[in-house]
């Protein structure tokens, strides 16, 4: 999982707005994204997150970089290289994990993160905390998953107030 959140734990406002993420935009800074994605070949994201990004930017570059699957309850035809998956997401992830290849990148949203944590499908988390308090919105961690111990790997700080936390799920 590689995801950003506000300091108070939200990944989107209550109306799904994510435009506040732009406060982290800094020319020449990718927050380790290129290094992280070098070990990725499959990208998983929820349909709501996909739709929000498409509405905000008009494109979905991850679909051209990776095998890209959007998890949804409503069947849709592929859009470019983005494929929509309507089956059991847990079984799908386990099937992908059984195949040879690189790592799977989960980018949210909160329902997907919760489902994967509930089924112990997350093995590493890189959480980029932005210096903003939203006060309300869509929480990254909504609960309803088993307790899981984390091993701290790294913390990076940036001069614009961004803090990046990296953990491995250890139990």
N, C-alpha and C. Protein backbone atom coordinates (compact mmCIF):
# COMPACT_ATOMS: atom_id res chain seq x y z
N UNK A 1 0.85 -1.17 0.00
CA UNK A 1 0.00 0.00 0.00
C UNK A 1 0.89 1.23 0.00
N UNK A 2 0.62 2.16 -0.88
CA UNK A 2 1.31 3.44 -0.96
C UNK A 2 0.19 4.46 -1.09
N UNK A 3 0.01 5.28 -0.05
CA UNK A 3 -1.17 6.15 -0.03
C UNK A 3 -0.86 7.40 0.78
N UNK A 4 -1.61 8.47 0.52
CA UNK A 4 -1.45 9.72 1.26
C UNK A 4 -2.69 9.97 2.10
N UNK A 5 -2.47 10.65 3.23
CA UNK A 5 -3.59 11.03 4.09
C UNK A 5 -3.28 12.36 4.77
N UNK A 6 -4.33 12.97 5.28
CA UNK A 6 -4.16 14.18 6.08
C UNK A 6 -3.62 13.78 7.45
N UNK A 7 -3.12 14.75 8.20
CA UNK A 7 -2.58 14.47 9.52
C UNK A 7 -3.65 13.85 10.43
N UNK A 8 -4.92 14.20 10.21
CA UNK A 8 -5.99 13.62 11.03
C UNK A 8 -6.58 12.34 10.44
N UNK A 9 -5.90 11.74 9.47
CA UNK A 9 -6.23 10.39 9.02
C UNK A 9 -7.21 10.24 7.89
N UNK A 10 -7.46 11.29 7.11
CA UNK A 10 -8.42 11.21 6.02
C UNK A 10 -7.72 11.13 4.66
N UNK A 11 -8.32 10.36 3.74
CA UNK A 11 -7.78 10.26 2.38
C UNK A 11 -8.60 11.07 1.39
N UNK A 12 -9.76 11.55 1.82
CA UNK A 12 -10.61 12.39 0.98
C UNK A 12 -11.56 13.16 1.89
N UNK A 13 -12.09 14.24 1.37
CA UNK A 13 -13.13 14.99 2.09
C UNK A 13 -14.43 14.18 2.04
N UNK A 14 -15.44 14.61 2.76
CA UNK A 14 -16.71 13.87 2.80
C UNK A 14 -17.35 13.77 1.41
N UNK A 15 -17.08 14.74 0.54
CA UNK A 15 -17.64 14.72 -0.82
C UNK A 15 -16.69 14.03 -1.81
N UNK A 16 -15.71 13.27 -1.29
CA UNK A 16 -14.71 12.54 -2.08
C UNK A 16 -13.66 13.43 -2.73
N UNK A 17 -13.66 14.72 -2.43
CA UNK A 17 -12.68 15.64 -3.00
C UNK A 17 -11.27 15.30 -2.51
N UNK A 18 -10.35 15.18 -3.44
CA UNK A 18 -8.94 14.92 -3.09
C UNK A 18 -8.02 16.03 -3.60
N UNK A 19 -8.60 17.14 -4.01
CA UNK A 19 -7.77 18.23 -4.56
C UNK A 19 -6.77 18.75 -3.55
N UNK A 20 -7.03 18.60 -2.26
CA UNK A 20 -6.11 19.06 -1.21
C UNK A 20 -4.77 18.33 -1.27
N UNK A 21 -4.71 17.18 -1.94
CA UNK A 21 -3.44 16.47 -2.07
C UNK A 21 -2.39 17.32 -2.80
N UNK A 22 -2.85 18.30 -3.55
CA UNK A 22 -1.92 19.14 -4.32
C UNK A 22 -1.02 19.98 -3.42
N UNK A 23 -1.32 20.10 -2.12
CA UNK A 23 -0.44 20.86 -1.24
C UNK A 23 0.94 20.23 -1.14
N UNK A 24 1.04 18.96 -1.51
CA UNK A 24 2.34 18.27 -1.47
C UNK A 24 3.10 18.41 -2.78
N UNK A 25 2.47 18.98 -3.80
CA UNK A 25 3.15 19.13 -5.09
C UNK A 25 4.40 19.99 -4.92
N UNK A 26 5.51 19.42 -5.35
CA UNK A 26 6.78 20.14 -5.28
C UNK A 26 7.61 19.70 -6.47
N UNK A 27 8.01 20.62 -7.29
CA UNK A 27 8.77 20.29 -8.49
C UNK A 27 10.02 19.49 -8.13
N UNK A 28 10.19 18.37 -8.83
CA UNK A 28 11.36 17.52 -8.64
C UNK A 28 11.26 16.54 -7.49
N UNK A 29 10.14 16.54 -6.75
CA UNK A 29 9.99 15.63 -5.61
C UNK A 29 8.87 14.63 -5.90
N UNK A 30 9.22 13.34 -5.87
CA UNK A 30 8.21 12.32 -6.09
C UNK A 30 7.95 11.46 -4.85
N UNK A 31 8.56 11.82 -3.73
CA UNK A 31 8.35 11.14 -2.45
C UNK A 31 8.65 9.63 -2.53
N UNK A 32 9.63 9.28 -3.33
CA UNK A 32 10.03 7.88 -3.45
C UNK A 32 9.15 7.03 -4.34
N UNK A 33 8.23 7.68 -5.05
CA UNK A 33 7.26 6.95 -5.87
C UNK A 33 7.94 6.13 -6.97
N UNK A 34 8.89 6.71 -7.68
CA UNK A 34 9.56 6.00 -8.78
C UNK A 34 10.30 4.78 -8.25
N UNK A 35 11.00 4.92 -7.14
CA UNK A 35 11.71 3.78 -6.56
C UNK A 35 10.73 2.70 -6.12
N UNK A 36 9.62 3.12 -5.50
CA UNK A 36 8.61 2.17 -5.06
C UNK A 36 8.01 1.42 -6.25
N UNK A 37 7.62 2.14 -7.28
CA UNK A 37 6.93 1.50 -8.41
C UNK A 37 7.87 0.67 -9.28
N UNK A 38 9.16 0.81 -9.13
CA UNK A 38 10.11 -0.03 -9.89
C UNK A 38 9.92 -1.50 -9.55
N UNK A 39 9.40 -1.80 -8.38
CA UNK A 39 9.18 -3.18 -7.98
C UNK A 39 7.74 -3.64 -8.11
N UNK A 40 6.95 -2.91 -8.88
CA UNK A 40 5.52 -3.18 -9.02
C UNK A 40 5.20 -3.62 -10.44
N UNK A 41 4.29 -4.58 -10.58
CA UNK A 41 3.78 -4.87 -11.92
C UNK A 41 2.24 -4.87 -11.98
N UNK A 42 1.59 -4.82 -10.82
CA UNK A 42 0.13 -4.85 -10.78
C UNK A 42 -0.37 -3.74 -9.85
N UNK A 43 -1.38 -3.02 -10.31
CA UNK A 43 -1.95 -1.89 -9.58
C UNK A 43 -3.43 -2.17 -9.34
N UNK A 44 -3.84 -2.02 -8.08
CA UNK A 44 -5.23 -2.25 -7.68
C UNK A 44 -5.77 -0.98 -7.05
N UNK A 45 -6.96 -0.58 -7.47
CA UNK A 45 -7.60 0.60 -6.89
C UNK A 45 -9.12 0.39 -6.93
N UNK A 46 -9.81 1.04 -6.02
CA UNK A 46 -11.27 0.98 -6.01
C UNK A 46 -11.87 1.86 -7.08
N UNK A 47 -13.09 1.55 -7.46
CA UNK A 47 -13.77 2.28 -8.53
C UNK A 47 -14.02 3.74 -8.16
N UNK A 48 -14.37 4.02 -6.91
CA UNK A 48 -14.61 5.41 -6.52
C UNK A 48 -13.34 6.24 -6.69
N UNK A 49 -12.21 5.70 -6.23
CA UNK A 49 -10.95 6.41 -6.36
C UNK A 49 -10.61 6.62 -7.83
N UNK A 50 -10.79 5.59 -8.63
CA UNK A 50 -10.54 5.69 -10.08
C UNK A 50 -11.38 6.81 -10.69
N UNK A 51 -12.68 6.81 -10.39
CA UNK A 51 -13.58 7.82 -10.97
C UNK A 51 -13.20 9.23 -10.53
N UNK A 52 -12.81 9.38 -9.26
CA UNK A 52 -12.43 10.70 -8.75
C UNK A 52 -11.19 11.20 -9.47
N UNK A 53 -10.18 10.34 -9.62
CA UNK A 53 -8.95 10.73 -10.31
C UNK A 53 -9.24 11.07 -11.76
N UNK A 54 -10.07 10.28 -12.42
CA UNK A 54 -10.41 10.57 -13.82
C UNK A 54 -11.13 11.91 -13.94
N UNK A 55 -12.05 12.18 -13.01
CA UNK A 55 -12.78 13.46 -13.04
C UNK A 55 -11.84 14.63 -12.79
N UNK A 56 -10.91 14.45 -11.86
CA UNK A 56 -10.00 15.52 -11.48
C UNK A 56 -8.93 15.79 -12.54
N UNK A 57 -8.39 14.71 -13.13
CA UNK A 57 -7.24 14.87 -14.04
C UNK A 57 -7.52 14.51 -15.49
N UNK A 58 -8.56 13.71 -15.73
CA UNK A 58 -8.87 13.29 -17.10
C UNK A 58 -8.03 12.14 -17.60
N UNK A 59 -7.14 11.63 -16.76
CA UNK A 59 -6.31 10.50 -17.17
C UNK A 59 -6.00 9.62 -15.98
N UNK A 60 -5.52 8.42 -16.26
CA UNK A 60 -5.15 7.48 -15.21
C UNK A 60 -3.84 6.83 -15.62
N UNK A 61 -2.71 7.49 -15.35
CA UNK A 61 -1.41 7.03 -15.86
C UNK A 61 -1.00 5.64 -15.37
N UNK A 62 -1.51 5.22 -14.21
CA UNK A 62 -1.15 3.90 -13.71
C UNK A 62 -1.60 2.80 -14.67
N UNK A 63 -2.65 3.04 -15.42
CA UNK A 63 -3.14 2.04 -16.36
C UNK A 63 -2.14 1.79 -17.49
N UNK A 64 -1.27 2.76 -17.75
CA UNK A 64 -0.25 2.58 -18.78
C UNK A 64 1.07 2.08 -18.21
N UNK A 65 1.20 2.10 -16.88
CA UNK A 65 2.44 1.67 -16.24
C UNK A 65 2.40 0.22 -15.76
N UNK A 66 1.22 -0.25 -15.36
CA UNK A 66 1.08 -1.55 -14.70
C UNK A 66 -0.11 -2.31 -15.27
N UNK A 67 -0.22 -3.60 -14.90
CA UNK A 67 -1.49 -4.29 -15.07
C UNK A 67 -2.43 -3.61 -14.08
N UNK A 68 -3.44 -2.94 -14.56
CA UNK A 68 -4.27 -2.08 -13.73
C UNK A 68 -5.68 -2.64 -13.62
N UNK A 69 -6.10 -2.88 -12.37
CA UNK A 69 -7.44 -3.41 -12.10
C UNK A 69 -8.19 -2.47 -11.18
N UNK A 70 -9.40 -2.13 -11.59
CA UNK A 70 -10.27 -1.30 -10.77
C UNK A 70 -11.33 -2.24 -10.20
N UNK A 71 -11.40 -2.31 -8.87
CA UNK A 71 -12.36 -3.18 -8.21
C UNK A 71 -13.70 -2.46 -8.14
N UNK A 72 -14.74 -3.12 -8.62
CA UNK A 72 -16.06 -2.51 -8.70
C UNK A 72 -17.15 -3.55 -8.55
N UNK A 73 -18.32 -3.10 -8.15
CA UNK A 73 -19.48 -4.00 -8.06
C UNK A 73 -20.30 -3.98 -9.36
N UNK A 74 -20.04 -2.97 -10.19
CA UNK A 74 -20.81 -2.79 -11.41
C UNK A 74 -19.93 -3.08 -12.62
N UNK A 75 -20.32 -4.05 -13.45
CA UNK A 75 -19.50 -4.36 -14.63
C UNK A 75 -19.32 -3.14 -15.54
N UNK A 76 -18.11 -2.98 -16.04
CA UNK A 76 -17.78 -1.92 -16.99
C UNK A 76 -16.79 -2.46 -17.98
N UNK A 77 -16.87 -1.93 -19.17
CA UNK A 77 -15.90 -2.28 -20.21
C UNK A 77 -14.56 -1.64 -19.86
N UNK A 78 -13.45 -2.25 -20.28
CA UNK A 78 -12.14 -1.64 -20.03
C UNK A 78 -12.09 -0.22 -20.61
N UNK A 79 -11.35 0.63 -19.95
CA UNK A 79 -11.11 1.99 -20.43
C UNK A 79 -9.61 2.10 -20.66
N UNK A 80 -9.21 2.05 -21.92
CA UNK A 80 -7.78 2.00 -22.23
C UNK A 80 -7.22 0.71 -21.66
N UNK A 81 -6.15 0.83 -20.87
CA UNK A 81 -5.54 -0.35 -20.25
C UNK A 81 -6.09 -0.65 -18.86
N UNK A 82 -7.08 0.12 -18.41
CA UNK A 82 -7.70 -0.10 -17.10
C UNK A 82 -8.80 -1.16 -17.25
N UNK A 83 -8.65 -2.24 -16.47
CA UNK A 83 -9.62 -3.33 -16.49
C UNK A 83 -10.46 -3.29 -15.22
N UNK A 84 -11.75 -3.50 -15.34
CA UNK A 84 -12.66 -3.46 -14.20
C UNK A 84 -12.94 -4.89 -13.76
N UNK A 85 -12.79 -5.14 -12.46
CA UNK A 85 -12.96 -6.48 -11.90
C UNK A 85 -14.16 -6.47 -10.95
N UNK A 86 -15.11 -7.39 -11.17
CA UNK A 86 -16.33 -7.42 -10.36
C UNK A 86 -16.45 -8.65 -9.48
N UNK A 87 -15.48 -9.54 -9.52
CA UNK A 87 -15.55 -10.76 -8.71
C UNK A 87 -15.13 -10.51 -7.27
N UNK A 88 -14.82 -11.59 -6.58
CA UNK A 88 -14.38 -11.54 -5.19
C UNK A 88 -12.98 -10.95 -5.13
N UNK A 89 -12.82 -9.75 -4.56
CA UNK A 89 -11.49 -9.11 -4.56
C UNK A 89 -10.45 -9.87 -3.74
N UNK A 90 -10.86 -10.52 -2.67
CA UNK A 90 -9.91 -11.27 -1.84
C UNK A 90 -9.36 -12.46 -2.63
N UNK A 91 -10.25 -13.20 -3.27
CA UNK A 91 -9.81 -14.34 -4.09
C UNK A 91 -8.94 -13.86 -5.24
N UNK A 92 -9.29 -12.72 -5.82
CA UNK A 92 -8.53 -12.17 -6.93
C UNK A 92 -7.10 -11.82 -6.50
N UNK A 93 -6.95 -11.17 -5.34
CA UNK A 93 -5.62 -10.81 -4.86
C UNK A 93 -4.81 -12.08 -4.57
N UNK A 94 -5.44 -13.05 -3.95
CA UNK A 94 -4.72 -14.30 -3.66
C UNK A 94 -4.29 -14.99 -4.95
N UNK A 95 -5.12 -14.92 -5.97
CA UNK A 95 -4.77 -15.49 -7.28
C UNK A 95 -3.58 -14.74 -7.88
N UNK A 96 -3.60 -13.43 -7.80
CA UNK A 96 -2.48 -12.63 -8.32
C UNK A 96 -1.20 -12.93 -7.55
N UNK A 97 -1.32 -13.07 -6.23
CA UNK A 97 -0.13 -13.34 -5.41
C UNK A 97 0.49 -14.70 -5.74
N UNK A 98 -0.32 -15.63 -6.19
CA UNK A 98 0.18 -16.97 -6.51
C UNK A 98 0.94 -17.01 -7.84
N UNK A 99 0.78 -15.99 -8.65
CA UNK A 99 1.45 -15.94 -9.95
C UNK A 99 2.85 -15.34 -9.80
N UNK A 100 3.77 -15.76 -10.68
CA UNK A 100 5.09 -15.12 -10.64
C UNK A 100 4.98 -13.67 -11.08
N UNK A 101 5.83 -12.84 -10.53
CA UNK A 101 5.83 -11.43 -10.90
C UNK A 101 6.35 -10.57 -9.78
N UNK A 102 6.17 -9.30 -9.96
CA UNK A 102 6.62 -8.33 -8.96
C UNK A 102 5.53 -8.15 -7.90
N UNK A 103 5.55 -7.01 -7.24
CA UNK A 103 4.60 -6.73 -6.17
C UNK A 103 3.30 -6.13 -6.70
N UNK A 104 2.27 -6.17 -5.86
CA UNK A 104 0.97 -5.58 -6.15
C UNK A 104 0.87 -4.28 -5.36
N UNK A 105 0.46 -3.23 -6.03
CA UNK A 105 0.34 -1.90 -5.42
C UNK A 105 -1.13 -1.59 -5.21
N UNK A 106 -1.53 -1.42 -3.96
CA UNK A 106 -2.89 -1.01 -3.61
C UNK A 106 -2.88 0.47 -3.27
N UNK A 107 -3.74 1.22 -3.92
CA UNK A 107 -3.78 2.67 -3.73
C UNK A 107 -5.10 3.13 -3.11
N UNK A 108 -5.89 2.23 -2.60
CA UNK A 108 -7.14 2.64 -1.95
C UNK A 108 -8.33 2.47 -2.86
N UNK A 109 -9.42 2.98 -2.45
CA UNK A 109 -9.71 3.81 -1.32
C UNK A 109 -9.87 3.03 -0.01
N UNK A 110 -10.55 3.72 0.90
CA UNK A 110 -10.66 3.23 2.27
C UNK A 110 -11.35 1.87 2.35
N UNK A 111 -12.36 1.63 1.54
CA UNK A 111 -13.06 0.33 1.56
C UNK A 111 -12.12 -0.79 1.15
N UNK A 112 -11.31 -0.54 0.15
CA UNK A 112 -10.36 -1.54 -0.34
C UNK A 112 -9.29 -1.80 0.73
N UNK A 113 -8.76 -0.73 1.32
CA UNK A 113 -7.76 -0.87 2.37
C UNK A 113 -8.33 -1.69 3.52
N UNK A 114 -9.54 -1.35 3.96
CA UNK A 114 -10.17 -2.08 5.06
C UNK A 114 -10.36 -3.56 4.71
N UNK A 115 -10.84 -3.85 3.52
CA UNK A 115 -11.05 -5.24 3.09
C UNK A 115 -9.73 -6.01 3.08
N UNK A 116 -8.68 -5.40 2.54
CA UNK A 116 -7.39 -6.07 2.46
C UNK A 116 -6.78 -6.27 3.84
N UNK A 117 -6.92 -5.28 4.73
CA UNK A 117 -6.43 -5.45 6.09
C UNK A 117 -7.21 -6.54 6.82
N UNK A 118 -8.51 -6.56 6.62
CA UNK A 118 -9.36 -7.56 7.27
C UNK A 118 -8.93 -8.97 6.88
N UNK A 119 -8.47 -9.13 5.65
CA UNK A 119 -8.08 -10.44 5.14
C UNK A 119 -6.56 -10.63 5.13
N UNK A 120 -5.86 -9.75 5.82
CA UNK A 120 -4.40 -9.81 5.97
C UNK A 120 -3.69 -9.93 4.62
N UNK A 121 -4.08 -9.07 3.70
CA UNK A 121 -3.49 -9.04 2.37
C UNK A 121 -2.50 -7.89 2.18
N UNK A 122 -2.31 -7.08 3.19
CA UNK A 122 -1.36 -5.98 3.11
C UNK A 122 -0.09 -6.42 3.82
N UNK A 123 1.03 -6.36 3.11
CA UNK A 123 2.30 -6.74 3.75
C UNK A 123 3.23 -5.55 3.98
N UNK A 124 2.99 -4.44 3.30
CA UNK A 124 3.81 -3.24 3.50
C UNK A 124 2.94 -2.01 3.30
N UNK A 125 3.21 -0.98 4.12
CA UNK A 125 2.48 0.28 4.02
C UNK A 125 3.45 1.44 3.93
N UNK A 126 3.26 2.25 2.93
CA UNK A 126 3.96 3.54 2.85
C UNK A 126 2.86 4.58 2.89
N UNK A 127 2.83 5.32 3.98
CA UNK A 127 1.78 6.31 4.20
C UNK A 127 2.43 7.69 4.24
N UNK A 128 2.01 8.53 3.32
CA UNK A 128 2.53 9.88 3.24
C UNK A 128 1.52 10.80 3.93
N UNK A 129 1.95 11.43 5.00
CA UNK A 129 1.08 12.29 5.81
C UNK A 129 1.30 13.74 5.39
N UNK A 130 0.21 14.37 4.95
CA UNK A 130 0.29 15.76 4.51
C UNK A 130 -0.05 16.71 5.64
N UNK A 131 0.58 17.88 5.66
CA UNK A 131 0.38 18.83 6.75
C UNK A 131 -0.93 19.63 6.59
N UNK A 132 -2.03 18.92 6.81
CA UNK A 132 -3.35 19.55 6.76
C UNK A 132 -4.28 18.76 7.67
N UNK A 133 -5.17 19.47 8.33
CA UNK A 133 -6.23 18.85 9.12
C UNK A 133 -7.53 19.09 8.38
N UNK A 134 -8.18 18.02 7.93
CA UNK A 134 -9.43 18.16 7.19
C UNK A 134 -10.64 18.25 8.13
N UNK A 135 -10.52 17.70 9.32
CA UNK A 135 -11.61 17.76 10.28
C UNK A 135 -12.67 16.70 10.08
N UNK A 136 -12.89 16.29 8.85
CA UNK A 136 -13.89 15.27 8.54
C UNK A 136 -13.58 14.75 7.14
N UNK A 137 -14.09 13.58 6.85
CA UNK A 137 -13.86 13.03 5.52
C UNK A 137 -13.87 11.52 5.54
N UNK A 138 -13.21 10.93 4.56
CA UNK A 138 -13.11 9.47 4.42
C UNK A 138 -11.84 9.01 5.11
N UNK A 139 -11.99 8.26 6.17
CA UNK A 139 -10.85 7.79 6.96
C UNK A 139 -10.07 6.71 6.20
N UNK A 140 -8.76 6.74 6.33
CA UNK A 140 -7.94 5.67 5.76
C UNK A 140 -8.21 4.36 6.50
N UNK A 141 -8.18 4.40 7.81
CA UNK A 141 -8.40 3.19 8.61
C UNK A 141 -9.76 3.31 9.29
N UNK A 142 -10.72 2.51 8.81
CA UNK A 142 -12.08 2.58 9.32
C UNK A 142 -12.35 1.55 10.42
N UNK A 143 -11.37 0.71 10.71
CA UNK A 143 -11.58 -0.33 11.71
C UNK A 143 -12.15 -1.59 11.09
N UNK A 144 -12.64 -2.48 11.94
CA UNK A 144 -13.21 -3.76 11.51
C UNK A 144 -12.20 -4.62 10.78
N UNK A 145 -10.99 -4.68 11.34
CA UNK A 145 -9.99 -5.61 10.84
C UNK A 145 -9.20 -6.09 12.05
N UNK A 146 -8.58 -7.26 11.94
CA UNK A 146 -7.85 -7.78 13.10
C UNK A 146 -6.61 -6.95 13.41
N UNK A 147 -6.25 -6.96 14.68
CA UNK A 147 -5.03 -6.28 15.10
C UNK A 147 -3.85 -6.85 14.32
N UNK A 148 -2.97 -5.96 13.88
CA UNK A 148 -1.80 -6.37 13.12
C UNK A 148 -0.60 -5.56 13.59
N UNK A 149 0.46 -6.25 13.93
CA UNK A 149 1.67 -5.58 14.37
C UNK A 149 2.44 -5.07 13.16
N UNK A 150 3.08 -3.94 13.34
CA UNK A 150 3.84 -3.32 12.27
C UNK A 150 5.29 -3.16 12.71
N UNK A 151 6.18 -3.36 11.77
CA UNK A 151 7.60 -3.12 12.02
C UNK A 151 7.98 -1.85 11.25
N UNK A 152 8.48 -0.87 11.97
CA UNK A 152 8.88 0.39 11.35
C UNK A 152 10.12 0.16 10.50
N UNK A 153 10.08 0.60 9.27
CA UNK A 153 11.21 0.47 8.35
C UNK A 153 11.92 1.82 8.16
N UNK A 154 11.12 2.88 7.99
CA UNK A 154 11.72 4.16 7.68
C UNK A 154 10.72 5.29 7.92
N UNK A 155 11.23 6.45 8.26
CA UNK A 155 10.46 7.69 8.31
C UNK A 155 11.26 8.74 7.57
N UNK A 156 10.62 9.38 6.62
CA UNK A 156 11.27 10.46 5.88
C UNK A 156 10.49 11.74 6.13
N UNK A 157 11.21 12.83 6.31
CA UNK A 157 10.57 14.13 6.44
C UNK A 157 11.02 15.02 5.28
N UNK A 158 10.15 15.93 4.91
CA UNK A 158 10.42 16.81 3.78
C UNK A 158 10.25 18.26 4.24
N UNK A 159 10.93 19.18 3.58
CA UNK A 159 10.92 20.57 4.02
C UNK A 159 9.57 21.26 3.88
N UNK A 160 8.63 20.65 3.18
CA UNK A 160 7.29 21.23 3.04
C UNK A 160 6.32 20.69 4.09
N UNK A 161 6.84 19.97 5.08
CA UNK A 161 5.99 19.47 6.16
C UNK A 161 5.45 18.08 5.96
N UNK A 162 5.69 17.47 4.80
CA UNK A 162 5.24 16.12 4.52
C UNK A 162 6.11 15.14 5.30
N UNK A 163 5.46 14.12 5.86
CA UNK A 163 6.16 13.04 6.57
C UNK A 163 5.72 11.73 5.95
N UNK A 164 6.68 10.88 5.64
CA UNK A 164 6.36 9.59 5.02
C UNK A 164 6.79 8.45 5.96
N UNK A 165 5.84 7.59 6.26
CA UNK A 165 6.05 6.45 7.17
C UNK A 165 6.04 5.17 6.36
N UNK A 166 6.98 4.28 6.69
CA UNK A 166 7.03 3.00 5.98
C UNK A 166 7.08 1.87 7.03
N UNK A 167 6.13 0.94 6.89
CA UNK A 167 6.00 -0.19 7.80
C UNK A 167 5.85 -1.49 7.02
N UNK A 168 6.31 -2.56 7.63
CA UNK A 168 6.03 -3.91 7.15
C UNK A 168 5.07 -4.52 8.16
N UNK A 169 4.04 -5.18 7.67
CA UNK A 169 3.10 -5.87 8.55
C UNK A 169 3.78 -7.14 9.03
N UNK A 170 3.91 -7.29 10.35
CA UNK A 170 4.67 -8.41 10.87
C UNK A 170 3.82 -9.44 11.63
N UNK A 171 2.56 -9.20 11.72
CA UNK A 171 1.73 -10.20 12.40
C UNK A 171 0.33 -9.74 12.64
